[in-house]
Amino acid sequence: MIRKALTAVLLSASAVCAQEAPDGLADAPGAFLRGLDKVAGAASDITLSVGQVAPYGSLAVRLEACRYPAEDPASNAYAFLHITDTMIGEVVFEGWMIAQNPALSALDHQRYDVWVLRCNTD
């Protein structure tokens, strides 16, 4: 029940992605992500600025927004990602990922995992 409520809040927040961040959350200029190639067993860090696209294997990862609690930037991060598999030309993930709860809204890909670590607050 809590998971459904949180998902609904995050999905409604995605509709206003271009607007000002809600009270208590601040917009960050970028984010730090981590990718895992499940076949090779190799993890890589991905640093993105808002609007930037980074290749990761056959994926193209675009960061639309990163938000964090203004009072405690290290506590959590919410990143809106758009991930396309370039081999098949399809969007495989679009939505909010939460650093503290990566399984709540996760990329479902047979080879790669991508998750948000934190926002870049510099």
PDB file of N, CA and C in Angstrom:
ATOM      1  N   MET A   1       0.833  -1.191   0.000  1.00  0.00           N
ATOM      2  CA  MET A   1       0.000   0.000   0.000  1.00  0.00           C
ATOM      3  C   MET A   1       0.876   1.253   0.000  1.00  0.00           C
ATOM      4  N   ILE A   2       1.890   1.272   0.856  1.00  0.00           N
ATOM      5  CA  ILE A   2       2.800   2.417   0.904  1.00  0.00           C
ATOM      6  C   ILE A   2       3.548   2.536  -0.416  1.00  0.00           C
ATOM      7  N   ARG A   3       3.953   1.403  -0.977  1.00  0.00           N
ATOM      8  CA  ARG A   3       4.674   1.404  -2.258  1.00  0.00           C
ATOM      9  C   ARG A   3       3.806   2.021  -3.351  1.00  0.00           C
ATOM     10  N   LYS A   4       2.520   1.664  -3.395  1.00  0.00           N
ATOM     11  CA  LYS A   4       1.613   2.209  -4.413  1.00  0.00           C
ATOM     12  C   LYS A   4       1.442   3.712  -4.229  1.00  0.00           C
ATOM     13  N   ALA A   5       1.319   4.153  -2.983  1.00  0.00           N
ATOM     14  CA  ALA A   5       1.150   5.578  -2.719  1.00  0.00           C
ATOM     15  C   ALA A   5       2.394   6.359  -3.122  1.00  0.00           C
ATOM     16  N   LEU A   6       3.571   5.842  -2.790  1.00  0.00           N
ATOM     17  CA  LEU A   6       4.813   6.510  -3.151  1.00  0.00           C
ATOM     18  C   LEU A   6       4.989   6.544  -4.657  1.00  0.00           C
ATOM     19  N   THR A   7       4.662   5.453  -5.325  1.00  0.00           N
ATOM     20  CA  THR A   7       4.754   5.408  -6.784  1.00  0.00           C
ATOM     21  C   THR A   7       3.815   6.431  -7.407  1.00  0.00           C
ATOM     22  N   ALA A   8       2.610   6.554  -6.891  1.00  0.00           N
ATOM     23  CA  ALA A   8       1.652   7.532  -7.417  1.00  0.00           C
ATOM     24  C   ALA A   8       2.171   8.951  -7.251  1.00  0.00           C
ATOM     25  N   VAL A   9       2.765   9.249  -6.099  1.00  0.00           N
ATOM     26  CA  VAL A   9       3.325  10.578  -5.857  1.00  0.00           C
ATOM     27  C   VAL A   9       4.456  10.857  -6.830  1.00  0.00           C
ATOM     28  N   LEU A  10       5.344   9.888  -7.024  1.00  0.00           N
ATOM     29  CA  LEU A  10       6.472  10.095  -7.922  1.00  0.00           C
ATOM     30  C   LEU A  10       6.029  10.215  -9.371  1.00  0.00           C
ATOM     31  N   LEU A  11       5.037   9.445  -9.775  1.00  0.00           N
ATOM     32  CA  LEU A  11       4.536   9.545 -11.140  1.00  0.00           C
ATOM     33  C   LEU A  11       3.875  10.889 -11.388  1.00  0.00           C
ATOM     34  N   SER A  12       3.147  11.388 -10.413  1.00  0.00           N
ATOM     35  CA  SER A  12       2.541  12.705 -10.585  1.00  0.00           C
ATOM     36  C   SER A  12       3.610  13.791 -10.592  1.00  0.00           C
ATOM     37  N   ALA A  13       4.689  13.571  -9.866  1.00  0.00           N
ATOM     38  CA  ALA A  13       5.793  14.527  -9.875  1.00  0.00           C
ATOM     39  C   ALA A  13       6.484  14.551 -11.227  1.00  0.00           C
ATOM     40  N   SER A  14       6.502  13.411 -11.918  1.00  0.00           N
ATOM     41  CA  SER A  14       7.139  13.381 -13.232  1.00  0.00           C
ATOM     42  C   SER A  14       6.395  14.238 -14.233  1.00  0.00           C
ATOM     43  N   ALA A  15       5.103  14.427 -14.029  1.00  0.00           N
ATOM     44  CA  ALA A  15       4.315  15.254 -14.934  1.00  0.00           C
ATOM     45  C   ALA A  15       4.684  16.724 -14.817  1.00  0.00           C
ATOM     46  N   VAL A  16       5.241  17.103 -13.677  1.00  0.00           N
ATOM     47  CA  VAL A  16       5.655  18.486 -13.469  1.00  0.00           C
ATOM     48  C   VAL A  16       7.168  18.582 -13.365  1.00  0.00           C
ATOM     49  N   CYS A  17       7.847  17.691 -14.061  1.00  0.00           N
ATOM     50  CA  CYS A  17       9.301  17.607 -13.992  1.00  0.00           C
ATOM     51  C   CYS A  17       9.970  18.936 -14.321  1.00  0.00           C
ATOM     52  N   ALA A  18       9.414  19.677 -15.266  1.00  0.00           N
ATOM     53  CA  ALA A  18      10.040  20.922 -15.690  1.00  0.00           C
ATOM     54  C   ALA A  18       9.729  22.066 -14.737  1.00  0.00           C
ATOM     55  N   GLN A  19       8.789  21.888 -13.841  1.00  0.00           N
ATOM     56  CA  GLN A  19       8.431  22.943 -12.916  1.00  0.00           C
ATOM     57  C   GLN A  19       9.360  22.954 -11.714  1.00  0.00           C
ATOM     58  N   GLU A  20       9.153  23.905 -10.849  1.00  0.00           N
ATOM     59  CA  GLU A  20       9.953  24.042  -9.635  1.00  0.00           C
ATOM     60  C   GLU A  20       9.781  22.825  -8.734  1.00  0.00           C
ATOM     61  N   ALA A  21      10.861  22.470  -8.026  1.00  0.00           N
ATOM     62  CA  ALA A  21      10.832  21.320  -7.126  1.00  0.00           C
ATOM     63  C   ALA A  21       9.856  21.572  -5.974  1.00  0.00           C
ATOM     64  N   PRO A  22       9.186  20.517  -5.477  1.00  0.00           N
ATOM     65  CA  PRO A  22       8.259  20.670  -4.352  1.00  0.00           C
ATOM     66  C   PRO A  22       9.001  21.150  -3.099  1.00  0.00           C
ATOM     67  N   ASP A  23       8.222  21.635  -2.134  1.00  0.00           N
ATOM     68  CA  ASP A  23       8.806  22.103  -0.881  1.00  0.00           C
ATOM     69  C   ASP A  23       9.674  21.024  -0.260  1.00  0.00           C
ATOM     70  N   GLY A  24      10.832  21.439   0.224  1.00  0.00           N
ATOM     71  CA  GLY A  24      11.733  20.516   0.898  1.00  0.00           C
ATOM     72  C   GLY A  24      12.721  19.836  -0.031  1.00  0.00           C
ATOM     73  N   LEU A  25      12.457  19.845  -1.347  1.00  0.00           N
ATOM     74  CA  LEU A  25      13.382  19.240  -2.302  1.00  0.00           C
ATOM     75  C   LEU A  25      14.045  20.331  -3.131  1.00  0.00           C
ATOM     76  N   ALA A  26      15.315  20.134  -3.382  1.00  0.00           N
ATOM     77  CA  ALA A  26      16.076  21.078  -4.198  1.00  0.00           C
ATOM     78  C   ALA A  26      16.515  20.389  -5.482  1.00  0.00           C
ATOM     79  N   ASP A  27      16.588  21.162  -6.559  1.00  0.00           N
ATOM     80  CA  ASP A  27      17.062  20.640  -7.828  1.00  0.00           C
ATOM     81  C   ASP A  27      18.579  20.636  -7.838  1.00  0.00           C
ATOM     82  N   ALA A  28      19.143  19.569  -8.368  1.00  0.00           N
ATOM     83  CA  ALA A  28      20.598  19.447  -8.493  1.00  0.00           C
ATOM     84  C   ALA A  28      20.980  19.562  -9.966  1.00  0.00           C
ATOM     85  N   PRO A  29      22.197  20.006 -10.238  1.00  0.00           N
ATOM     86  CA  PRO A  29      22.630  20.125 -11.632  1.00  0.00           C
ATOM     87  C   PRO A  29      23.014  18.798 -12.273  1.00  0.00           C
ATOM     88  N   GLY A  30      23.107  17.747 -11.483  1.00  0.00           N
ATOM     89  CA  GLY A  30      23.509  16.462 -12.039  1.00  0.00           C
ATOM     90  C   GLY A  30      23.323  15.338 -11.041  1.00  0.00           C
ATOM     91  N   ALA A  31      23.782  14.139 -11.434  1.00  0.00           N
ATOM     92  CA  ALA A  31      23.626  12.967 -10.579  1.00  0.00           C
ATOM     93  C   ALA A  31      24.761  11.990 -10.820  1.00  0.00           C
ATOM     94  N   PHE A  32      24.972  11.155  -9.817  1.00  0.00           N
ATOM     95  CA  PHE A  32      25.919  10.048  -9.898  1.00  0.00           C
ATOM     96  C   PHE A  32      25.102   8.760  -9.933  1.00  0.00           C
ATOM     97  N   LEU A  33      25.336   7.945 -10.958  1.00  0.00           N
ATOM     98  CA  LEU A  33      24.636   6.677 -11.124  1.00  0.00           C
ATOM     99  C   LEU A  33      25.665   5.554 -11.107  1.00  0.00           C
ATOM    100  N   ARG A  34      25.198   4.352 -10.943  1.00  0.00           N
ATOM    101  CA  ARG A  34      26.057   3.180 -11.060  1.00  0.00           C
ATOM    102  C   ARG A  34      25.393   2.201 -12.007  1.00  0.00           C
ATOM    103  N   GLY A  35      26.196   1.624 -12.887  1.00  0.00           N
ATOM    104  CA  GLY A  35      25.715   0.631 -13.823  1.00  0.00           C
ATOM    105  C   GLY A  35      26.400  -0.693 -13.560  1.00  0.00           C
ATOM    106  N   LEU A  36      25.685  -1.769 -13.805  1.00  0.00           N
ATOM    107  CA  LEU A  36      26.231  -3.111 -13.639  1.00  0.00           C
ATOM    108  C   LEU A  36      25.963  -3.904 -14.907  1.00  0.00           C
ATOM    109  N   ASP A  37      27.033  -4.395 -15.510  1.00  0.00           N
ATOM    110  CA  ASP A  37      26.919  -5.319 -16.631  1.00  0.00           C
ATOM    111  C   ASP A  37      26.849  -6.708 -16.005  1.00  0.00           C
ATOM    112  N   LYS A  38      25.677  -7.322 -16.022  1.00  0.00           N
ATOM    113  CA  LYS A  38      25.462  -8.593 -15.335  1.00  0.00           C
ATOM    114  C   LYS A  38      26.178  -9.751 -16.015  1.00  0.00           C
ATOM    115  N   VAL A  39      26.488  -9.635 -17.301  1.00  0.00           N
ATOM    116  CA  VAL A  39      27.198 -10.695 -18.010  1.00  0.00           C
ATOM    117  C   VAL A  39      28.691 -10.638 -17.692  1.00  0.00           C
ATOM    118  N   ALA A  40      29.270  -9.455 -17.773  1.00  0.00           N
ATOM    119  CA  ALA A  40      30.702  -9.297 -17.509  1.00  0.00           C
ATOM    120  C   ALA A  40      31.008  -9.215 -16.017  1.00  0.00           C
ATOM    121  N   GLY A  41      29.988  -8.918 -15.201  1.00  0.00           N
ATOM    122  CA  GLY A  41      30.208  -8.775 -13.764  1.00  0.00           C
ATOM    123  C   GLY A  41      30.985  -7.519 -13.414  1.00  0.00           C
ATOM    124  N   ALA A  42      30.843  -6.475 -14.241  1.00  0.00           N
ATOM    125  CA  ALA A  42      31.602  -5.236 -14.043  1.00  0.00           C
ATOM    126  C   ALA A  42      30.665  -4.082 -13.711  1.00  0.00           C
ATOM    127  N   ALA A  43      31.013  -3.341 -12.663  1.00  0.00           N
ATOM    128  CA  ALA A  43      30.257  -2.152 -12.280  1.00  0.00           C
ATOM    129  C   ALA A  43      31.014  -0.906 -12.731  1.00  0.00           C
ATOM    130  N   SER A  44      30.261   0.106 -13.131  1.00  0.00           N
ATOM    131  CA  SER A  44      30.850   1.370 -13.576  1.00  0.00           C
ATOM    132  C   SER A  44      30.043   2.520 -13.011  1.00  0.00           C
ATOM    133  N   ASP A  45      30.732   3.594 -12.662  1.00  0.00           N
ATOM    134  CA  ASP A  45      30.050   4.798 -12.212  1.00  0.00           C
ATOM    135  C   ASP A  45      29.778   5.694 -13.411  1.00  0.00           C
ATOM    136  N   ILE A  46      28.629   6.345 -13.396  1.00  0.00           N
ATOM    137  CA  ILE A  46      28.195   7.220 -14.476  1.00  0.00           C
ATOM    138  C   ILE A  46      27.873   8.574 -13.857  1.00  0.00           C
ATOM    139  N   THR A  47      28.507   9.620 -14.354  1.00  0.00           N
ATOM    140  CA  THR A  47      28.246  10.974 -13.890  1.00  0.00           C
ATOM    141  C   THR A  47      27.536  11.727 -15.008  1.00  0.00           C
ATOM    142  N   LEU A  48      26.377  12.296 -14.685  1.00  0.00           N
ATOM    143  CA  LEU A  48      25.574  13.001 -15.681  1.00  0.00           C
ATOM    144  C   LEU A  48      25.149  14.368 -15.184  1.00  0.00           C
ATOM    145  N   SER A  49      25.080  15.312 -16.095  1.00  0.00           N
ATOM    146  CA  SER A  49      24.443  16.597 -15.841  1.00  0.00           C
ATOM    147  C   SER A  49      23.014  16.500 -16.341  1.00  0.00           C
ATOM    148  N   VAL A  50      22.141  17.347 -15.836  1.00  0.00           N
ATOM    149  CA  VAL A  50      20.752  17.351 -16.281  1.00  0.00           C
ATOM    150  C   VAL A  50      20.724  17.630 -17.782  1.00  0.00           C
ATOM    151  N   GLY A  51      20.008  16.791 -18.514  1.00  0.00           N
ATOM    152  CA  GLY A  51      19.906  16.924 -19.960  1.00  0.00           C
ATOM    153  C   GLY A  51      20.958  16.151 -20.731  1.00  0.00           C
ATOM    154  N   GLN A  52      21.949  15.647 -20.055  1.00  0.00           N
ATOM    155  CA  GLN A  52      23.035  14.913 -20.710  1.00  0.00           C
ATOM    156  C   GLN A  52      22.661  13.456 -20.928  1.00  0.00           C
ATOM    157  N   VAL A  53      23.185  12.887 -22.015  1.00  0.00           N
ATOM    158  CA  VAL A  53      23.006  11.473 -22.334  1.00  0.00           C
ATOM    159  C   VAL A  53      24.364  10.799 -22.258  1.00  0.00           C
ATOM    160  N   ALA A  54      24.420   9.653 -21.559  1.00  0.00           N
ATOM    161  CA  ALA A  54      25.669   8.889 -21.462  1.00  0.00           C
ATOM    162  C   ALA A  54      25.430   7.486 -21.995  1.00  0.00           C
ATOM    163  N   PRO A  55      26.358   6.987 -22.811  1.00  0.00           N
ATOM    164  CA  PRO A  55      26.237   5.598 -23.243  1.00  0.00           C
ATOM    165  C   PRO A  55      26.695   4.657 -22.137  1.00  0.00           C
ATOM    166  N   TYR A  56      25.993   3.557 -21.979  1.00  0.00           N
ATOM    167  CA  TYR A  56      26.412   2.507 -21.056  1.00  0.00           C
ATOM    168  C   TYR A  56      26.087   1.174 -21.724  1.00  0.00           C
ATOM    169  N   GLY A  57      27.089   0.529 -22.288  1.00  0.00           N
ATOM    170  CA  GLY A  57      26.858  -0.674 -23.072  1.00  0.00           C
ATOM    171  C   GLY A  57      25.961  -0.335 -24.237  1.00  0.00           C
ATOM    172  N   SER A  58      24.866  -1.058 -24.394  1.00  0.00           N
ATOM    173  CA  SER A  58      23.918  -0.763 -25.468  1.00  0.00           C
ATOM    174  C   SER A  58      22.837   0.221 -25.025  1.00  0.00           C
ATOM    175  N   LEU A  59      22.977   0.766 -23.821  1.00  0.00           N
ATOM    176  CA  LEU A  59      21.986   1.704 -23.298  1.00  0.00           C
ATOM    177  C   LEU A  59      22.417   3.148 -23.512  1.00  0.00           C
ATOM    178  N   ALA A  60      21.445   4.014 -23.684  1.00  0.00           N
ATOM    179  CA  ALA A  60      21.655   5.463 -23.676  1.00  0.00           C
ATOM    180  C   ALA A  60      20.879   5.990 -22.475  1.00  0.00           C
ATOM    181  N   VAL A  61      21.596   6.536 -21.489  1.00  0.00           N
ATOM    182  CA  VAL A  61      20.998   6.976 -20.234  1.00  0.00           C
ATOM    183  C   VAL A  61      20.934   8.503 -20.227  1.00  0.00           C
ATOM    184  N   ARG A  62      19.730   9.042 -20.111  1.00  0.00           N
ATOM    185  CA  ARG A  62      19.537  10.500 -20.076  1.00  0.00           C
ATOM    186  C   ARG A  62      18.972  10.894 -18.722  1.00  0.00           C
ATOM    187  N   LEU A  63      19.607  11.885 -18.099  1.00  0.00           N
ATOM    188  CA  LEU A  63      19.138  12.422 -16.820  1.00  0.00           C
ATOM    189  C   LEU A  63      18.251  13.627 -17.098  1.00  0.00           C
ATOM    190  N   GLU A  64      16.998  13.542 -16.677  1.00  0.00           N
ATOM    191  CA  GLU A  64      16.042  14.639 -16.861  1.00  0.00           C
ATOM    192  C   GLU A  64      16.039  15.582 -15.652  1.00  0.00           C
ATOM    193  N   ALA A  65      16.197  15.019 -14.445  1.00  0.00           N
ATOM    194  CA  ALA A  65      16.179  15.825 -13.221  1.00  0.00           C
ATOM    195  C   ALA A  65      16.763  15.015 -12.088  1.00  0.00           C
ATOM    196  N   CYS A  66      17.336  15.715 -11.114  1.00  0.00           N
ATOM    197  CA  CYS A  66      17.768  15.078  -9.869  1.00  0.00           C
ATOM    198  C   CYS A  66      17.375  16.007  -8.731  1.00  0.00           C
ATOM    199  N   ARG A  67      16.682  15.459  -7.756  1.00  0.00           N
ATOM    200  CA  ARG A  67      16.211  16.249  -6.615  1.00  0.00           C
ATOM    201  C   ARG A  67      16.645  15.575  -5.326  1.00  0.00           C
ATOM    202  N   TYR A  68      16.888  16.396  -4.320  1.00  0.00           N
ATOM    203  CA  TYR A  68      17.369  15.901  -3.035  1.00  0.00           C
ATOM    204  C   TYR A  68      16.769  16.733  -1.911  1.00  0.00           C
ATOM    205  N   PRO A  69      16.698  16.176  -0.686  1.00  0.00           N
ATOM    206  CA  PRO A  69      16.193  16.956   0.448  1.00  0.00           C
ATOM    207  C   PRO A  69      17.128  18.130   0.723  1.00  0.00           C
ATOM    208  N   ALA A  70      16.600  19.338   0.661  1.00  0.00           N
ATOM    209  CA  ALA A  70      17.418  20.545   0.813  1.00  0.00           C
ATOM    210  C   ALA A  70      18.119  20.598   2.168  1.00  0.00           C
ATOM    211  N   GLU A  71      17.485  20.082   3.191  1.00  0.00           N
ATOM    212  CA  GLU A  71      18.058  20.154   4.537  1.00  0.00           C
ATOM    213  C   GLU A  71      19.132  19.096   4.777  1.00  0.00           C
ATOM    214  N   ASP A  72      19.140  18.023   3.984  1.00  0.00           N
ATOM    215  CA  ASP A  72      20.104  16.943   4.166  1.00  0.00           C
ATOM    216  C   ASP A  72      20.434  16.309   2.811  1.00  0.00           C
ATOM    217  N   PRO A  73      21.302  16.947   2.027  1.00  0.00           N
ATOM    218  CA  PRO A  73      21.588  16.476   0.673  1.00  0.00           C
ATOM    219  C   PRO A  73      22.118  15.046   0.590  1.00  0.00           C
ATOM    220  N   ALA A  74      22.763  14.570   1.642  1.00  0.00           N
ATOM    221  CA  ALA A  74      23.339  13.226   1.613  1.00  0.00           C
ATOM    222  C   ALA A  74      22.318  12.139   1.947  1.00  0.00           C
ATOM    223  N   SER A  75      21.094  12.521   2.351  1.00  0.00           N
ATOM    224  CA  SER A  75      20.144  11.523   2.834  1.00  0.00           C
ATOM    225  C   SER A  75      19.459  10.726   1.731  1.00  0.00           C
ATOM    226  N   ASN A  76      19.181  11.337   0.582  1.00  0.00           N
ATOM    227  CA  ASN A  76      18.467  10.618  -0.475  1.00  0.00           C
ATOM    228  C   ASN A  76      18.600  11.382  -1.781  1.00  0.00           C
ATOM    229  N   ALA A  77      18.224  10.732  -2.862  1.00  0.00           N
ATOM    230  CA  ALA A  77      18.214  11.368  -4.180  1.00  0.00           C
ATOM    231  C   ALA A  77      17.082  10.769  -4.994  1.00  0.00           C
ATOM    232  N   TYR A  78      16.454  11.613  -5.789  1.00  0.00           N
ATOM    233  CA  TYR A  78      15.375  11.206  -6.684  1.00  0.00           C
ATOM    234  C   TYR A  78      15.786  11.650  -8.084  1.00  0.00           C
ATOM    235  N   ALA A  79      16.023  10.703  -8.971  1.00  0.00           N
ATOM    236  CA  ALA A  79      16.466  11.027 -10.323  1.00  0.00           C
ATOM    237  C   ALA A  79      15.429  10.574 -11.338  1.00  0.00           C
ATOM    238  N   PHE A  80      15.076  11.472 -12.244  1.00  0.00           N
ATOM    239  CA  PHE A  80      14.177  11.128 -13.342  1.00  0.00           C
ATOM    240  C   PHE A  80      15.050  10.759 -14.531  1.00  0.00           C
ATOM    241  N   LEU A  81      14.962   9.481 -14.947  1.00  0.00           N
ATOM    242  CA  LEU A  81      15.821   8.951 -16.005  1.00  0.00           C
ATOM    243  C   LEU A  81      15.003   8.493 -17.201  1.00  0.00           C
ATOM    244  N   HIS A  82      15.624   8.611 -18.350  1.00  0.00           N
ATOM    245  CA  HIS A  82      15.074   8.113 -19.608  1.00  0.00           C
ATOM    246  C   HIS A  82      16.163   7.217 -20.187  1.00  0.00           C
ATOM    247  N   ILE A  83      15.906   5.902 -20.237  1.00  0.00           N
ATOM    248  CA  ILE A  83      16.921   4.937 -20.673  1.00  0.00           C
ATOM    249  C   ILE A  83      16.404   4.200 -21.906  1.00  0.00           C
ATOM    250  N   THR A  84      17.213   4.248 -22.970  1.00  0.00           N
ATOM    251  CA  THR A  84      16.865   3.606 -24.234  1.00  0.00           C
ATOM    252  C   THR A  84      17.879   2.518 -24.538  1.00  0.00           C
ATOM    253  N   ASP A  85      17.401   1.364 -25.004  1.00  0.00           N
ATOM    254  CA  ASP A  85      18.288   0.313 -25.494  1.00  0.00           C
ATOM    255  C   ASP A  85      18.501   0.589 -26.976  1.00  0.00           C
ATOM    256  N   THR A  86      19.700   1.020 -27.345  1.00  0.00           N
ATOM    257  CA  THR A  86      19.982   1.425 -28.721  1.00  0.00           C
ATOM    258  C   THR A  86      20.016   0.242 -29.687  1.00  0.00           C
ATOM    259  N   MET A  87      20.227  -0.968 -29.179  1.00  0.00           N
ATOM    260  CA  MET A  87      20.252  -2.153 -30.048  1.00  0.00           C
ATOM    261  C   MET A  87      18.868  -2.462 -30.620  1.00  0.00           C
ATOM    262  N   ILE A  88      17.841  -2.227 -29.831  1.00  0.00           N
ATOM    263  CA  ILE A  88      16.479  -2.506 -30.288  1.00  0.00           C
ATOM    264  C   ILE A  88      15.680  -1.233 -30.539  1.00  0.00           C
ATOM    265  N   GLY A  89      16.255  -0.089 -30.189  1.00  0.00           N
ATOM    266  CA  GLY A  89      15.602   1.190 -30.429  1.00  0.00           C
ATOM    267  C   GLY A  89      14.356   1.422 -29.599  1.00  0.00           C
ATOM    268  N   GLU A  90      14.337   0.892 -28.375  1.00  0.00           N
ATOM    269  CA  GLU A  90      13.164   1.042 -27.508  1.00  0.00           C
ATOM    270  C   GLU A  90      13.535   1.648 -26.164  1.00  0.00           C
ATOM    271  N   VAL A  91      12.601   2.410 -25.619  1.00  0.00           N
ATOM    272  CA  VAL A  91      12.753   2.928 -24.263  1.00  0.00           C
ATOM    273  C   VAL A  91      12.531   1.760 -23.310  1.00  0.00           C
ATOM    274  N   VAL A  92      13.514   1.489 -22.439  1.00  0.00           N
ATOM    275  CA  VAL A  92      13.395   0.376 -21.496  1.00  0.00           C
ATOM    276  C   VAL A  92      13.088   0.860 -20.080  1.00  0.00           C
ATOM    277  N   PHE A  93      13.265   2.174 -19.850  1.00  0.00           N
ATOM    278  CA  PHE A  93      12.907   2.744 -18.553  1.00  0.00           C
ATOM    279  C   PHE A  93      12.690   4.240 -18.717  1.00  0.00           C
ATOM    280  N   GLU A  94      11.631   4.736 -18.091  1.00  0.00           N
ATOM    281  CA  GLU A  94      11.402   6.171 -18.008  1.00  0.00           C
ATOM    282  C   GLU A  94      10.655   6.433 -16.722  1.00  0.00           C
ATOM    283  N   GLY A  95      11.261   7.194 -15.837  1.00  0.00           N
ATOM    284  CA  GLY A  95      10.613   7.497 -14.576  1.00  0.00           C
ATOM    285  C   GLY A  95      11.606   7.879 -13.493  1.00  0.00           C
ATOM    286  N   TRP A  96      11.087   7.936 -12.277  1.00  0.00           N
ATOM    287  CA  TRP A  96      11.885   8.328 -11.117  1.00  0.00           C
ATOM    288  C   TRP A  96      12.542   7.103 -10.501  1.00  0.00           C
ATOM    289  N   MET A  97      13.813   7.231 -10.176  1.00  0.00           N
ATOM    290  CA  MET A  97      14.521   6.236  -9.373  1.00  0.00           C
ATOM    291  C   MET A  97      14.880   6.901  -8.053  1.00  0.00           C
ATOM    292  N   ILE A  98      14.821   6.123  -6.997  1.00  0.00           N
ATOM    293  CA  ILE A  98      15.090   6.636  -5.654  1.00  0.00           C
ATOM    294  C   ILE A  98      16.329   5.942  -5.110  1.00  0.00           C
ATOM    295  N   ALA A  99      17.293   6.726  -4.653  1.00  0.00           N
ATOM    296  CA  ALA A  99      18.549   6.153  -4.178  1.00  0.00           C
ATOM    297  C   ALA A  99      18.343   5.190  -3.010  1.00  0.00           C
ATOM    298  N   GLN A 100      17.508   5.547  -2.052  1.00  0.00           N
ATOM    299  CA  GLN A 100      17.315   4.703  -0.878  1.00  0.00           C
ATOM    300  C   GLN A 100      16.476   3.462  -1.160  1.00  0.00           C
ATOM    301  N   ASN A 101      15.695   3.465  -2.222  1.00  0.00           N
ATOM    302  CA  ASN A 101      14.819   2.330  -2.561  1.00  0.00           C
ATOM    303  C   ASN A 101      14.957   1.991  -4.039  1.00  0.00           C
ATOM    304  N   PRO A 102      16.105   1.487  -4.470  1.00  0.00           N
ATOM    305  CA  PRO A 102      16.307   1.250  -5.906  1.00  0.00           C
ATOM    306  C   PRO A 102      15.362   0.204  -6.498  1.00  0.00           C
ATOM    307  N   ALA A 103      14.866  -0.723  -5.702  1.00  0.00           N
ATOM    308  CA  ALA A 103      13.973  -1.762  -6.229  1.00  0.00           C
ATOM    309  C   ALA A 103      12.543  -1.254  -6.428  1.00  0.00           C
ATOM    310  N   LEU A 104      12.206  -0.116  -5.840  1.00  0.00           N
ATOM    311  CA  LEU A 104      10.851   0.426  -5.964  1.00  0.00           C
ATOM    312  C   LEU A 104      10.522   0.772  -7.413  1.00  0.00           C
ATOM    313  N   SER A 105      11.478   1.343  -8.108  1.00  0.00           N
ATOM    314  CA  SER A 105      11.297   1.701  -9.511  1.00  0.00           C
ATOM    315  C   SER A 105      12.621   1.391 -10.210  1.00  0.00           C
ATOM    316  N   ALA A 106      12.754   0.178 -10.710  1.00  0.00           N
ATOM    317  CA  ALA A 106      14.036  -0.298 -11.222  1.00  0.00           C
ATOM    318  C   ALA A 106      14.001  -0.539 -12.721  1.00  0.00           C
ATOM    319  N   LEU A 107      15.165  -0.441 -13.324  1.00  0.00           N
ATOM    320  CA  LEU A 107      15.334  -0.815 -14.719  1.00  0.00           C
ATOM    321  C   LEU A 107      15.215  -2.332 -14.817  1.00  0.00           C
ATOM    322  N   ASP A 108      14.394  -2.800 -15.748  1.00  0.00           N
ATOM    323  CA  ASP A 108      14.227  -4.236 -15.967  1.00  0.00           C
ATOM    324  C   ASP A 108      14.864  -4.585 -17.309  1.00  0.00           C
ATOM    325  N   HIS A 109      16.129  -4.928 -17.275  1.00  0.00           N
ATOM    326  CA  HIS A 109      16.877  -5.240 -18.499  1.00  0.00           C
ATOM    327  C   HIS A 109      17.617  -6.553 -18.291  1.00  0.00           C
ATOM    328  N   GLN A 110      17.691  -7.370 -19.338  1.00  0.00           N
ATOM    329  CA  GLN A 110      18.310  -8.684 -19.201  1.00  0.00           C
ATOM    330  C   GLN A 110      19.808  -8.614 -18.946  1.00  0.00           C
ATOM    331  N   ARG A 111      20.496  -7.559 -19.388  1.00  0.00           N
ATOM    332  CA  ARG A 111      21.943  -7.504 -19.220  1.00  0.00           C
ATOM    333  C   ARG A 111      22.416  -6.444 -18.237  1.00  0.00           C
ATOM    334  N   TYR A 112      21.731  -5.303 -18.172  1.00  0.00           N
ATOM    335  CA  TYR A 112      22.239  -4.167 -17.402  1.00  0.00           C
ATOM    336  C   TYR A 112      21.327  -3.792 -16.249  1.00  0.00           C
ATOM    337  N   ASP A 113      21.941  -3.335 -15.178  1.00  0.00           N
ATOM    338  CA  ASP A 113      21.246  -2.654 -14.086  1.00  0.00           C
ATOM    339  C   ASP A 113      21.820  -1.249 -14.019  1.00  0.00           C
ATOM    340  N   VAL A 114      20.969  -0.272 -13.776  1.00  0.00           N
ATOM    341  CA  VAL A 114      21.387   1.106 -13.559  1.00  0.00           C
ATOM    342  C   VAL A 114      20.599   1.629 -12.377  1.00  0.00           C
ATOM    343  N   TRP A 115      21.270   2.287 -11.454  1.00  0.00           N
ATOM    344  CA  TRP A 115      20.569   2.876 -10.315  1.00  0.00           C
ATOM    345  C   TRP A 115      21.249   4.177  -9.912  1.00  0.00           C
ATOM    346  N   VAL A 116      20.497   5.015  -9.220  1.00  0.00           N
ATOM    347  CA  VAL A 116      20.992   6.323  -8.783  1.00  0.00           C
ATOM    348  C   VAL A 116      21.694   6.154  -7.426  1.00  0.00           C
ATOM    349  N   LEU A 117      22.837   6.835  -7.289  1.00  0.00           N
ATOM    350  CA  LEU A 117      23.561   6.841  -6.017  1.00  0.00           C
ATOM    351  C   LEU A 117      23.250   8.103  -5.225  1.00  0.00           C
ATOM    352  N   ARG A 118      23.405   9.259  -5.887  1.00  0.00           N
ATOM    353  CA  ARG A 118      23.142  10.540  -5.224  1.00  0.00           C
ATOM    354  C   ARG A 118      23.120  11.656  -6.270  1.00  0.00           C
ATOM    355  N   CYS A 119      22.594  12.790  -5.854  1.00  0.00           N
ATOM    356  CA  CYS A 119      22.630  13.966  -6.715  1.00  0.00           C
ATOM    357  C   CYS A 119      23.984  14.652  -6.592  1.00  0.00           C
ATOM    358  N   ASN A 120      24.376  15.320  -7.632  1.00  0.00           N
ATOM    359  CA  ASN A 120      25.593  16.134  -7.614  1.00  0.00           C
ATOM    360  C   ASN A 120      25.165  17.522  -7.164  1.00  0.00           C
ATOM    361  N   THR A 121      25.527  17.909  -5.957  1.00  0.00           N
ATOM    362  CA  THR A 121      25.082  19.175  -5.392  1.00  0.00           C
ATOM    363  C   THR A 121      26.088  20.302  -5.563  1.00  0.00           C
ATOM    364  N   ASP A 122      27.141  20.076  -6.333  1.00  0.00           N
ATOM    365  CA  ASP A 122      28.159  21.127  -6.556  1.00  0.00           C
ATOM    366  C   ASP A 122      27.655  22.179  -7.518  1.00  0.00           C
TER     367      ASP A 122
END
